[in-house]
Protein backbone atom coordinates (compact mmCIF):
# COMPACT_ATOMS: atom_id res chain seq x y z
CA MET A 1 4.57 -36.28 -15.81
CA ILE A 2 2.74 -39.31 -17.59
CA LYS A 3 1.48 -38.31 -21.00
CA PRO A 4 -0.64 -41.24 -22.42
CA SER A 5 -0.19 -41.45 -26.02
CA ILE A 6 -3.77 -42.19 -26.56
CA SER A 7 -6.21 -39.16 -26.08
CA ALA A 8 -10.03 -39.03 -26.17
CA TYR A 9 -9.89 -36.03 -28.66
CA PRO A 10 -6.44 -35.77 -30.18
CA LEU A 11 -5.58 -32.30 -31.38
CA ARG A 12 -2.44 -30.68 -32.52
CA PHE A 13 -1.58 -27.03 -31.84
CA HIS A 14 1.02 -24.36 -32.91
CA ILE A 15 1.48 -22.47 -29.70
CA LEU A 16 2.30 -19.18 -29.13
CA ILE A 17 3.32 -18.35 -25.62
CA ILE A 18 2.85 -14.74 -24.22
CA LEU A 19 2.73 -13.06 -20.95
CA SER A 20 -0.01 -10.63 -20.54
CA ALA A 21 -1.22 -8.95 -17.21
CA GLY A 22 1.00 -11.35 -15.36
CA ILE A 23 -0.65 -14.45 -16.69
CA LEU A 24 1.16 -16.87 -18.60
CA SER A 25 -1.20 -17.53 -21.52
CA CYS A 26 -0.99 -20.27 -24.28
CA GLN A 27 -2.92 -19.22 -27.54
CA PRO A 28 -3.28 -21.37 -30.52
CA GLU A 29 -2.11 -19.61 -33.81
CA SER A 30 -5.33 -20.82 -35.76
CA GLU A 31 -8.07 -23.08 -35.23
CA SER A 32 -10.69 -23.74 -38.07
CA THR A 33 -14.37 -23.66 -37.28
CA ASN A 34 -14.53 -27.30 -37.60
CA ASP A 35 -11.71 -27.99 -35.22
CA GLN A 36 -13.40 -25.86 -32.66
CA SER A 37 -16.91 -27.64 -33.13
CA GLN A 38 -15.02 -31.05 -32.33
CA ARG A 39 -13.50 -30.07 -29.25
CA PRO A 40 -15.14 -31.47 -26.12
CA ASN A 41 -17.16 -29.43 -23.66
CA VAL A 42 -16.37 -29.77 -20.09
CA LEU A 43 -19.16 -29.54 -17.32
CA PHE A 44 -17.36 -29.07 -14.15
CA ILE A 45 -19.67 -29.88 -10.97
CA ALA A 46 -18.16 -28.98 -7.61
CA VAL A 47 -20.20 -29.88 -4.30
CA ASP A 48 -19.07 -28.30 -1.09
CA ASP A 49 -18.46 -30.59 1.71
CA LEU A 50 -19.64 -33.72 0.02
CA ARG A 51 -18.12 -36.79 1.44
CA PRO A 52 -18.39 -39.89 -0.66
CA GLU A 53 -21.57 -41.15 0.84
CA LEU A 54 -23.32 -41.64 -2.13
CA ASN A 55 -25.31 -44.79 -3.29
CA ALA A 56 -22.84 -45.34 -6.02
CA TYR A 57 -20.17 -45.73 -3.36
CA GLY A 58 -21.89 -48.27 -1.34
CA ALA A 59 -24.10 -45.97 1.01
CA LYS A 60 -27.41 -47.79 0.08
CA HIS A 61 -29.20 -45.36 2.51
CA ILE A 62 -28.60 -42.40 0.64
CA LYS A 63 -30.83 -41.22 -2.01
CA SER A 64 -28.58 -40.13 -5.02
CA PRO A 65 -30.22 -41.24 -8.24
CA SER A 66 -28.60 -38.39 -10.52
CA MET A 67 -25.03 -38.82 -9.10
CA ASP A 68 -25.51 -42.74 -9.45
CA ARG A 69 -26.68 -42.46 -12.91
CA LEU A 70 -23.39 -40.36 -13.75
CA ALA A 71 -21.39 -43.06 -11.92
CA ALA A 72 -23.07 -45.63 -14.08
CA GLU A 73 -22.10 -43.57 -17.26
CA GLY A 74 -18.65 -42.62 -16.15
CA ILE A 75 -15.65 -43.82 -14.03
CA LEU A 76 -15.85 -43.56 -10.41
CA PHE A 77 -12.88 -43.27 -8.42
CA GLU A 78 -13.04 -45.41 -5.53
CA ARG A 79 -10.01 -43.90 -3.83
CA ALA A 80 -9.68 -40.24 -4.60
CA TYR A 81 -8.27 -37.67 -1.99
CA CYS A 82 -8.30 -34.17 -1.56
CA ASN A 83 -4.89 -32.38 -0.82
CA ILE A 84 -6.41 -30.37 1.88
CA PRO A 85 -9.39 -30.55 4.05
CA VAL A 86 -10.82 -27.03 3.77
CA CYS A 87 -12.64 -25.42 0.81
CA GLY A 88 -10.53 -22.24 -0.22
CA ALA A 89 -7.25 -23.99 -0.08
CA SER A 90 -8.52 -27.20 -1.59
CA ARG A 91 -10.10 -25.36 -4.60
CA ALA A 92 -7.16 -23.29 -5.19
CA SER A 93 -4.88 -26.38 -5.11
CA LEU A 94 -7.12 -28.43 -7.48
CA LEU A 95 -7.69 -25.54 -10.06
CA SER A 96 -4.01 -24.90 -10.00
CA GLY A 97 -2.76 -28.45 -10.04
CA ILE A 98 -0.44 -27.27 -7.51
CA ARG A 99 0.36 -29.19 -4.25
CA PRO A 100 -0.24 -27.36 -1.04
CA GLY A 101 2.75 -26.77 1.48
CA ARG A 102 3.24 -26.25 4.78
CA TYR A 103 2.81 -22.33 4.28
CA ARG A 104 0.91 -22.36 1.12
CA PHE A 105 -2.97 -23.06 0.72
CA LEU A 106 -3.84 -23.18 4.38
CA SER A 107 -7.24 -22.25 4.96
CA TYR A 108 -10.59 -21.40 3.50
CA LEU A 109 -9.19 -17.58 3.08
CA THR A 110 -6.78 -18.90 0.34
CA ARG A 111 -6.93 -17.01 -2.99
CA LEU A 112 -4.83 -18.57 -5.87
CA SER A 113 -4.37 -14.97 -7.31
CA GLU A 114 -2.21 -13.88 -4.31
CA GLU A 115 -0.41 -17.21 -3.46
CA TYR A 116 0.51 -18.40 -7.03
CA PRO A 117 0.15 -15.51 -9.13
CA GLY A 118 1.44 -15.75 -12.86
CA ILE A 119 0.14 -19.52 -13.54
CA ALA A 120 -2.49 -20.56 -15.65
CA SER A 121 -5.24 -21.97 -13.75
CA LEU A 122 -7.33 -24.79 -15.20
CA PRO A 123 -10.20 -22.47 -16.50
CA MET A 124 -7.37 -20.03 -17.73
CA HIS A 125 -5.75 -22.81 -19.66
CA PHE A 126 -9.13 -23.81 -21.50
CA LYS A 127 -9.97 -20.18 -22.09
CA ASN A 128 -6.43 -19.81 -23.60
CA HIS A 129 -7.36 -22.48 -26.03
CA GLY A 130 -10.58 -21.04 -27.13
CA TYR A 131 -13.06 -22.28 -24.69
CA THR A 132 -16.06 -20.11 -23.26
CA THR A 133 -15.66 -20.40 -19.58
CA ILE A 134 -18.28 -19.52 -17.06
CA SER A 135 -18.28 -19.90 -13.17
CA ASN A 136 -21.51 -20.22 -11.68
CA GLY A 137 -22.06 -20.70 -7.86
CA LYS A 138 -19.15 -21.41 -5.67
CA ILE A 139 -16.12 -22.67 -7.70
CA TYR A 140 -13.29 -20.62 -5.95
CA HIS A 141 -13.97 -19.81 -2.29
CA HIS A 142 -13.90 -16.14 -3.19
CA ALA A 143 -15.96 -14.79 -6.20
CA ASP A 144 -13.15 -12.45 -7.02
CA ASP A 145 -10.45 -14.86 -7.22
CA ASP A 146 -8.64 -15.59 -10.60
CA THR A 147 -11.45 -13.68 -12.40
CA LEU A 148 -9.27 -13.39 -15.54
CA ALA A 149 -9.85 -17.11 -16.15
CA TRP A 150 -13.52 -16.66 -16.65
CA ASP A 151 -15.54 -15.02 -19.28
CA GLU A 152 -18.20 -14.68 -16.80
CA VAL A 153 -18.55 -15.21 -13.23
CA TRP A 154 -22.01 -15.42 -11.51
CA ARG A 155 -23.29 -16.28 -7.91
CA PRO A 156 -26.72 -16.23 -6.69
CA LYS A 157 -27.99 -13.71 -4.07
CA ALA A 158 -29.23 -14.54 -0.80
CA LEU A 159 -32.05 -12.56 0.87
CA HIS A 160 -30.15 -12.08 4.25
CA SER A 161 -26.80 -14.05 4.36
CA TRP A 162 -24.90 -16.94 2.63
CA ARG A 163 -26.37 -19.12 5.09
CA ASP A 164 -29.69 -18.66 3.12
CA TYR A 165 -32.31 -19.52 5.77
CA GLN A 166 -35.92 -19.32 4.72
CA LEU A 167 -37.68 -19.55 8.19
CA PRO A 168 -38.28 -16.70 9.90
CA GLU A 169 -36.95 -18.17 13.43
CA ASN A 170 -33.63 -18.65 11.83
CA ILE A 171 -33.61 -15.61 9.77
CA GLU A 172 -34.24 -13.48 12.92
CA MET A 173 -31.29 -15.36 14.68
CA ASP A 174 -29.10 -14.88 11.58
CA THR A 175 -29.52 -11.16 11.25
CA ALA A 176 -31.02 -9.40 14.39
CA ASN A 177 -28.57 -11.10 17.08
CA ARG A 178 -25.58 -10.92 14.60
CA SER A 179 -25.22 -14.59 15.39
CA ARG A 180 -26.20 -17.72 13.37
CA GLY A 181 -29.37 -19.54 13.03
CA PHE A 182 -29.77 -23.41 13.80
CA PRO A 183 -27.32 -25.60 11.75
CA TYR A 184 -30.10 -27.16 9.81
CA GLU A 185 -33.44 -26.31 8.29
CA ASN A 186 -36.48 -27.93 7.17
CA ALA A 187 -38.46 -25.58 4.95
CA ASN A 188 -41.58 -26.43 2.94
CA VAL A 189 -40.21 -24.55 0.11
CA HIS A 190 -39.51 -25.03 -3.61
CA ASP A 191 -36.06 -26.02 -4.70
CA SER A 192 -35.53 -22.59 -6.40
CA ALA A 193 -35.93 -20.77 -2.84
CA TYR A 194 -32.42 -21.71 -2.00
CA MET A 195 -29.30 -20.50 -3.86
CA ASP A 196 -28.42 -23.88 -5.05
CA GLY A 197 -31.69 -23.98 -6.77
CA LYS A 198 -31.02 -20.52 -8.33
CA THR A 199 -27.62 -21.70 -9.56
CA THR A 200 -29.19 -24.72 -11.26
CA LEU A 201 -31.44 -22.35 -13.23
CA LYS A 202 -28.74 -20.29 -14.28
CA ALA A 203 -26.91 -23.43 -15.47
CA LEU A 204 -29.75 -24.67 -17.51
CA ALA A 205 -29.99 -21.06 -19.30
CA ASP A 206 -26.39 -21.18 -19.87
CA LEU A 207 -26.34 -24.63 -21.47
CA ARG A 208 -29.02 -23.26 -23.90
CA LYS A 209 -26.92 -20.13 -24.63
CA LEU A 210 -23.83 -22.21 -25.08
CA LYS A 211 -25.68 -24.60 -27.26
CA ASP A 212 -26.77 -21.88 -29.62
CA ASP A 213 -23.20 -20.22 -29.63
CA GLY A 214 -21.51 -23.36 -31.05
CA ASN A 215 -18.23 -22.62 -29.07
CA PRO A 216 -16.57 -25.19 -26.87
CA PHE A 217 -17.11 -24.38 -23.31
CA PHE A 218 -15.99 -25.02 -19.83
CA LEU A 219 -19.03 -24.52 -17.67
CA ALA A 220 -18.37 -24.73 -13.80
CA VAL A 221 -21.28 -25.32 -11.70
CA GLY A 222 -20.73 -25.13 -7.73
CA PHE A 223 -23.27 -26.21 -4.99
CA LEU A 224 -23.10 -25.15 -1.63
CA LYS A 225 -24.89 -27.94 -0.15
CA PRO A 226 -24.15 -30.19 1.86
CA HIS A 227 -22.30 -27.37 3.63
CA LEU A 228 -23.44 -26.14 7.05
CA PRO A 229 -26.01 -25.11 7.73
CA PHE A 230 -27.93 -28.24 6.50
CA ASN A 231 -30.79 -26.21 4.74
CA ALA A 232 -33.07 -28.26 2.26
CA PRO A 233 -36.71 -28.56 1.05
CA SER A 234 -38.88 -30.67 3.23
CA LYS A 235 -39.52 -33.11 0.45
CA TYR A 236 -35.83 -34.19 0.87
CA TRP A 237 -35.82 -34.60 4.66
CA ASP A 238 -38.69 -36.74 4.22
CA MET A 239 -36.72 -39.21 1.96
CA TYR A 240 -35.32 -40.15 5.29
CA ASP A 241 -36.37 -41.75 8.53
CA SER A 242 -34.85 -40.23 11.78
CA SER A 243 -35.28 -43.30 13.71
CA ARG A 244 -33.26 -45.32 11.43
CA ILE A 245 -30.04 -42.70 11.60
CA ALA A 246 -27.44 -43.53 14.09
CA LEU A 247 -23.97 -42.16 14.98
CA PRO A 248 -20.96 -43.75 13.44
CA ALA A 249 -19.30 -46.80 14.93
CA ASN A 250 -16.38 -44.60 15.53
CA TYR A 251 -18.02 -42.30 17.76
CA LEU A 252 -14.95 -42.21 20.16
CA ARG A 253 -11.45 -40.99 20.48
CA PRO A 254 -9.13 -43.89 21.09
CA GLU A 255 -6.12 -43.30 23.48
CA SER A 256 -3.54 -44.49 20.80
CA THR A 257 -4.26 -41.54 18.62
CA PRO A 258 -2.33 -38.57 19.50
CA ASP A 259 -4.06 -35.22 20.51
CA GLN A 260 -2.97 -33.31 17.47
CA ALA A 261 -5.24 -35.35 15.32
CA PHE A 262 -8.39 -34.04 16.94
CA HIS A 263 -10.27 -30.68 16.85
CA GLU A 264 -13.22 -29.31 18.52
CA SER A 265 -15.54 -28.83 15.47
CA GLY A 266 -15.30 -25.06 15.77
CA GLU A 267 -17.14 -24.47 12.71
CA LEU A 268 -20.38 -26.04 13.90
CA ARG A 269 -19.91 -24.07 17.18
CA ALA A 270 -20.93 -20.98 15.52
CA TYR A 271 -24.46 -22.08 15.10
CA GLY A 272 -27.45 -21.64 17.43
CA GLY A 273 -28.22 -24.07 19.99
CA VAL A 274 -25.00 -25.85 19.61
CA PRO A 275 -23.02 -25.98 22.95
CA GLU A 276 -19.62 -24.05 23.26
CA ARG A 277 -17.83 -27.23 24.10
CA GLY A 278 -18.43 -30.85 24.51
CA PRO A 279 -20.37 -33.35 22.71
CA VAL A 280 -23.83 -32.19 20.94
CA SER A 281 -26.96 -33.90 22.37
CA ALA A 282 -28.04 -37.12 20.82
CA GLU A 283 -31.07 -35.24 19.25
CA MET A 284 -28.83 -32.77 17.69
CA ALA A 285 -26.45 -35.41 16.47
CA ASN A 286 -29.40 -37.05 14.78
CA GLN A 287 -30.62 -33.86 13.21
CA LEU A 288 -27.19 -33.07 11.89
CA ILE A 289 -26.71 -36.35 9.97
CA HIS A 290 -30.61 -36.20 8.70
CA GLY A 291 -29.99 -32.75 7.49
CA TYR A 292 -26.68 -33.91 5.83
CA TYR A 293 -28.52 -36.59 3.97
CA ALA A 294 -31.53 -34.38 2.92
CA CYS A 295 -28.88 -31.87 1.61
CA ILE A 296 -27.03 -34.58 -0.42
CA SER A 297 -30.35 -35.48 -1.89
CA TYR A 298 -31.22 -31.82 -2.71
CA THR A 299 -28.01 -31.27 -4.49
CA ASP A 300 -28.53 -34.56 -6.24
CA ALA A 301 -31.61 -33.53 -7.87
CA GLN A 302 -30.23 -30.14 -9.00
CA ILE A 303 -27.21 -32.26 -10.77
CA GLY A 304 -29.95 -34.29 -12.49
CA LYS A 305 -31.69 -31.31 -13.80
CA ILE A 306 -28.61 -30.21 -15.39
CA LEU A 307 -27.62 -33.83 -16.71
CA ASP A 308 -31.19 -33.84 -18.14
CA GLN A 309 -30.53 -30.61 -19.94
CA LEU A 310 -27.29 -31.90 -21.33
CA GLU A 311 -29.30 -34.67 -22.88
CA GLN A 312 -32.09 -32.91 -24.15
CA LEU A 313 -29.79 -30.22 -25.90
CA ASP A 314 -27.75 -33.01 -27.75
CA LEU A 315 -24.63 -32.06 -25.88
CA ALA A 316 -24.01 -34.97 -23.82
CA ASP A 317 -22.16 -37.03 -26.52
CA ASN A 318 -19.51 -34.21 -26.69
CA THR A 319 -19.30 -33.09 -22.86
CA ILE A 320 -16.72 -34.62 -20.53
CA VAL A 321 -18.66 -34.38 -16.98
CA VAL A 322 -16.45 -34.00 -13.67
CA LEU A 323 -18.14 -34.42 -10.47
CA TRP A 324 -16.08 -33.57 -7.15
CA GLY A 325 -16.53 -32.68 -3.64
CA ASP A 326 -14.01 -30.29 -2.28
CA HIS A 327 -13.19 -32.57 0.66
CA GLY A 328 -14.84 -34.94 2.93
CA TRP A 329 -16.80 -34.28 6.36
CA ASN A 330 -16.85 -35.80 9.88
CA LEU A 331 -20.33 -36.76 10.78
CA GLY A 332 -19.63 -37.63 14.28
CA ASP A 333 -16.49 -39.91 13.09
CA HIS A 334 -14.14 -39.70 16.19
CA MET A 335 -16.68 -37.39 17.98
CA MET A 336 -15.96 -34.50 15.54
CA TRP A 337 -18.03 -32.58 12.97
CA CYS A 338 -16.92 -30.70 10.07
CA LYS A 339 -13.70 -31.14 8.35
CA HIS A 340 -10.04 -29.89 9.17
CA CYS A 341 -8.34 -33.13 10.17
CA ASN A 342 -6.08 -36.09 8.79
CA PHE A 343 -8.40 -38.83 9.09
CA GLU A 344 -10.08 -40.64 6.14
CA SER A 345 -13.54 -39.04 6.74
CA SER A 346 -12.04 -35.62 5.86
CA LEU A 347 -9.75 -36.38 3.10
CA HIS A 348 -11.53 -39.05 1.19
CA VAL A 349 -13.70 -37.60 -1.36
CA PRO A 350 -16.22 -38.63 -4.47
CA LEU A 351 -14.83 -38.15 -8.20
CA ILE A 352 -16.60 -39.21 -11.01
CA VAL A 353 -15.79 -38.63 -14.60
CA LYS A 354 -17.94 -39.26 -17.41
CA VAL A 355 -16.08 -39.01 -21.08
CA PRO A 356 -18.40 -39.70 -24.08
CA GLY A 357 -17.47 -43.21 -25.68
CA LYS A 358 -14.86 -44.09 -23.08
CA THR A 359 -16.51 -44.50 -19.95
CA HIS A 360 -19.36 -46.72 -18.99
CA GLY A 361 -19.35 -47.42 -15.45
CA GLN A 362 -15.88 -48.37 -14.85
CA ARG A 363 -14.42 -48.15 -11.13
CA SER A 364 -10.91 -47.47 -10.31
CA LYS A 365 -9.18 -48.63 -7.09
CA ASN A 366 -6.09 -46.61 -7.79
CA VAL A 367 -5.11 -43.77 -5.26
CA THR A 368 -6.00 -40.53 -6.97
CA GLU A 369 -5.20 -37.02 -5.94
CA PHE A 370 -7.13 -33.89 -6.64
CA ILE A 371 -4.10 -32.33 -8.31
CA ASP A 372 -4.49 -35.19 -10.84
CA ILE A 373 -7.81 -33.54 -12.53
CA TYR A 374 -6.07 -30.82 -14.28
CA PRO A 375 -3.57 -32.82 -16.31
CA SER A 376 -6.33 -35.40 -16.87
CA LEU A 377 -8.83 -32.82 -18.34
CA CYS A 378 -5.94 -31.62 -20.64
CA ASP A 379 -5.15 -35.02 -21.83
CA LEU A 380 -8.80 -35.56 -22.55
CA ALA A 381 -9.39 -32.44 -24.19
CA GLY A 382 -6.03 -32.71 -26.36
CA LEU A 383 -4.49 -29.74 -24.69
CA PRO A 384 -0.97 -29.43 -23.96
CA LEU A 385 0.17 -29.63 -20.27
CA PRO A 386 1.46 -26.64 -18.41
CA ASP A 387 4.81 -26.99 -16.88
CA HIS A 388 3.65 -26.18 -13.21
CA LEU A 389 1.65 -29.22 -12.73
CA GLU A 390 2.36 -31.44 -10.04
CA GLY A 391 -0.36 -34.25 -10.41
CA GLU A 392 -0.40 -37.32 -12.40
CA SER A 393 -2.81 -37.90 -15.42
CA PHE A 394 -5.38 -40.56 -14.69
CA VAL A 395 -6.46 -40.92 -18.31
CA ALA A 396 -4.62 -44.46 -18.14
CA ASP A 397 -7.36 -45.77 -15.65
CA ILE A 398 -10.23 -44.75 -18.22
CA ASP A 399 -8.07 -46.59 -21.03
CA GLY A 400 -7.73 -49.72 -18.94
CA MET A 401 -3.95 -49.18 -18.73
CA GLU A 402 -1.69 -49.57 -15.67
CA ARG A 403 -1.03 -46.45 -13.68
CA PRO A 404 2.33 -46.79 -11.67
CA TYR A 405 1.02 -43.53 -9.49
CA ASP A 406 0.08 -44.93 -6.31
CA PHE A 407 0.10 -42.70 -3.46
CA ALA A 408 -1.63 -39.35 -2.49
CA ILE A 409 -0.38 -36.80 -0.03
CA SER A 410 -2.65 -34.51 2.03
CA LYS A 411 -2.06 -31.96 4.57
CA TRP A 412 -3.89 -30.11 7.25
CA TYR A 413 -1.72 -27.21 8.81
CA ASP A 414 0.98 -29.35 10.86
CA GLY A 415 -0.24 -32.77 9.87
CA VAL A 416 1.00 -34.32 6.75
CA THR A 417 -0.67 -37.72 5.43
CA ILE A 418 0.41 -40.08 2.84
CA ILE A 419 -1.95 -42.81 1.65
CA GLN A 420 -0.76 -45.73 -0.09
CA GLU A 421 -2.60 -49.03 -0.83
CA ASP A 422 -4.40 -49.83 2.56
CA LEU A 423 -2.03 -47.68 4.79
CA PHE A 424 -2.73 -43.97 5.85
CA TYR A 425 0.40 -42.46 7.52
CA THR A 426 0.45 -39.08 9.28
CA GLU A 427 3.33 -37.02 10.79
CA PHE A 428 2.52 -34.06 12.78
CA LEU A 429 5.48 -31.50 12.40
CA GLY A 430 6.93 -29.39 14.79
CA GLU A 431 8.63 -25.87 14.23
CA ASP A 432 11.75 -27.60 13.38
CA HIS A 433 9.91 -29.85 10.67
CA GLN A 434 10.49 -32.79 12.40
CA PRO A 435 7.60 -35.26 13.37
CA GLU A 436 6.21 -34.61 17.02
CA ALA A 437 3.56 -37.33 16.82
CA ARG A 438 2.59 -39.96 14.07
CA MET A 439 -0.25 -41.98 13.15
CA LEU A 440 -0.44 -45.12 10.98
CA PHE A 441 -3.70 -47.08 10.22
CA ASP A 442 -4.24 -50.13 8.11
CA HIS A 443 -7.58 -49.80 6.36
CA SER A 444 -7.79 -53.58 5.26
CA THR A 445 -8.11 -54.41 9.11
CA ASP A 446 -9.09 -51.21 10.60
CA SER A 447 -11.11 -49.02 8.33
CA LEU A 448 -12.65 -46.94 11.38
CA GLU A 449 -9.11 -45.74 12.02
CA LEU A 450 -9.26 -46.79 15.83
CA ASN A 451 -5.79 -48.50 16.33
CA ASN A 452 -2.68 -46.18 15.61
CA MET A 453 0.11 -48.60 15.03
CA ALA A 454 2.82 -45.94 14.38
CA GLU A 455 4.74 -46.53 17.67
CA ALA A 456 4.62 -50.56 17.47
CA PRO A 457 8.26 -51.64 17.09
CA GLU A 458 7.10 -54.12 14.43
CA ASN A 459 6.11 -51.18 12.18
CA GLN A 460 9.11 -49.05 12.31
CA GLU A 461 10.31 -50.27 9.06
CA ILE A 462 7.25 -49.42 7.27
CA THR A 463 6.73 -45.99 8.95
CA GLU A 464 10.16 -45.03 7.72
CA GLU A 465 9.43 -45.93 4.00
CA LEU A 466 6.24 -44.07 4.07
CA HIS A 467 8.17 -40.99 5.76
CA GLN A 468 10.74 -41.10 3.05
CA LYS A 469 8.20 -41.48 0.13
CA MET A 470 6.27 -38.42 1.49
CA VAL A 471 9.38 -36.39 1.78
CA ASN A 472 10.63 -37.38 -1.58
CA ASN A 473 7.20 -36.45 -3.03
CA TRP A 474 5.48 -33.50 -1.19
CA GLY A 475 7.44 -31.14 -3.73
CA ASP A 476 10.47 -28.64 -3.63
CA GLU A 477 8.34 -25.92 -2.37
CA PHE A 478 6.50 -27.71 0.51
CA PHE A 479 8.58 -25.53 3.13
CA LEU A 480 8.43 -22.40 1.14
CA ASP A 481 7.07 -19.46 3.47
CA LEU A 482 5.28 -17.03 1.09
CA LYS A 483 5.30 -14.26 3.94
CA SER A 484 9.15 -14.31 4.17
CA THR A 485 9.60 -13.68 0.50
CA GLU A 486 7.29 -10.69 0.28
């Protein structure tokens, strides 16, 4: 574990370790009021299904001024990767600092409290060290997961279902027919009509309350959009011209890529008007991409309101801001929609961190994993590192120092991917845990991942090197079968 000697907010603790209600708790013996007031706050912003298609990441067609502003004041990680591309498992892994295994953290149904009881999650660790912790919106997939970590858990209520439609046609399809409405909605409504707007209002109220309380806080704010269905107020749809939207250049399935790499976009198939199989129509593809863009801009506007509130309350100078999307998303890439695969489009994620007095628009090209966020926030806040963490702190990047950690490992069920420099190497494991198929892409020459080089004779040495590095670093518990130990 890398532990930089320079911390943004150094603080020494006398630690009393106790075990209470099955949760490992690390409580400081005593902390003065002055010490508490000097501790940095944390604003922890999660965005569901957000791929790094933002202006700050070079996507000039996207209107994302608030996230761009945060990047200009923070550090942007150009090569950040989720450890598993599905919301429940990705969030459990990030918030625990524990790498997914072949049988652990698998799907959206994942609950940290069930799969890894007894460890202090990221919010629990901050709570144990005197922070007020609040969860607004979608942080864990399940609102009742890891509830002891929070002083308050709040989620907005939808009028009809979590899909939160506003138009009568969609509402009727979503309720009366026990089906779902269309996968997008353009409604002439106020921002607060949708749940993400309500979450923003709650976060603004919380910041005012937390300012008055004077206690250090860990405020988590989770936005649903751009998750399906792509519902956003009309003014955000109007920011984009449908006639200028095209399918991606890799809207095809190369023959060199194994069948295991692809899926049939099952999550999308549940929505109204989507064919049960085969490609969607050109018109629907256009509207899906348009809706995704509109939702990015809608969420960006909500984030802007919260960042403005930080400034207005004079909290910005003592608040670390972390912005992350829980995984990527396929917008027609390889003729797929949704996440759930081992391609760059599903694994590459946005990660922006603002540390007052230390960040000022830096960009890190180092490969970074989501499990690195927990130890990094501990270092930045001057908290000790729990023994269970499997990631590495990226504070060296913020301090302009070298960081030897140079790879990420991600997985989706039987597929395990290691990312190192420009190479993307994936093995699809059989029941005997041996590779049944492989993928190797060189992003320096093939950023669209169209030419699988894994089986070329001249690449056998590098594939073996990447295989060994993957095996040596995917963790001692990678093959632990939780069901067999119950």
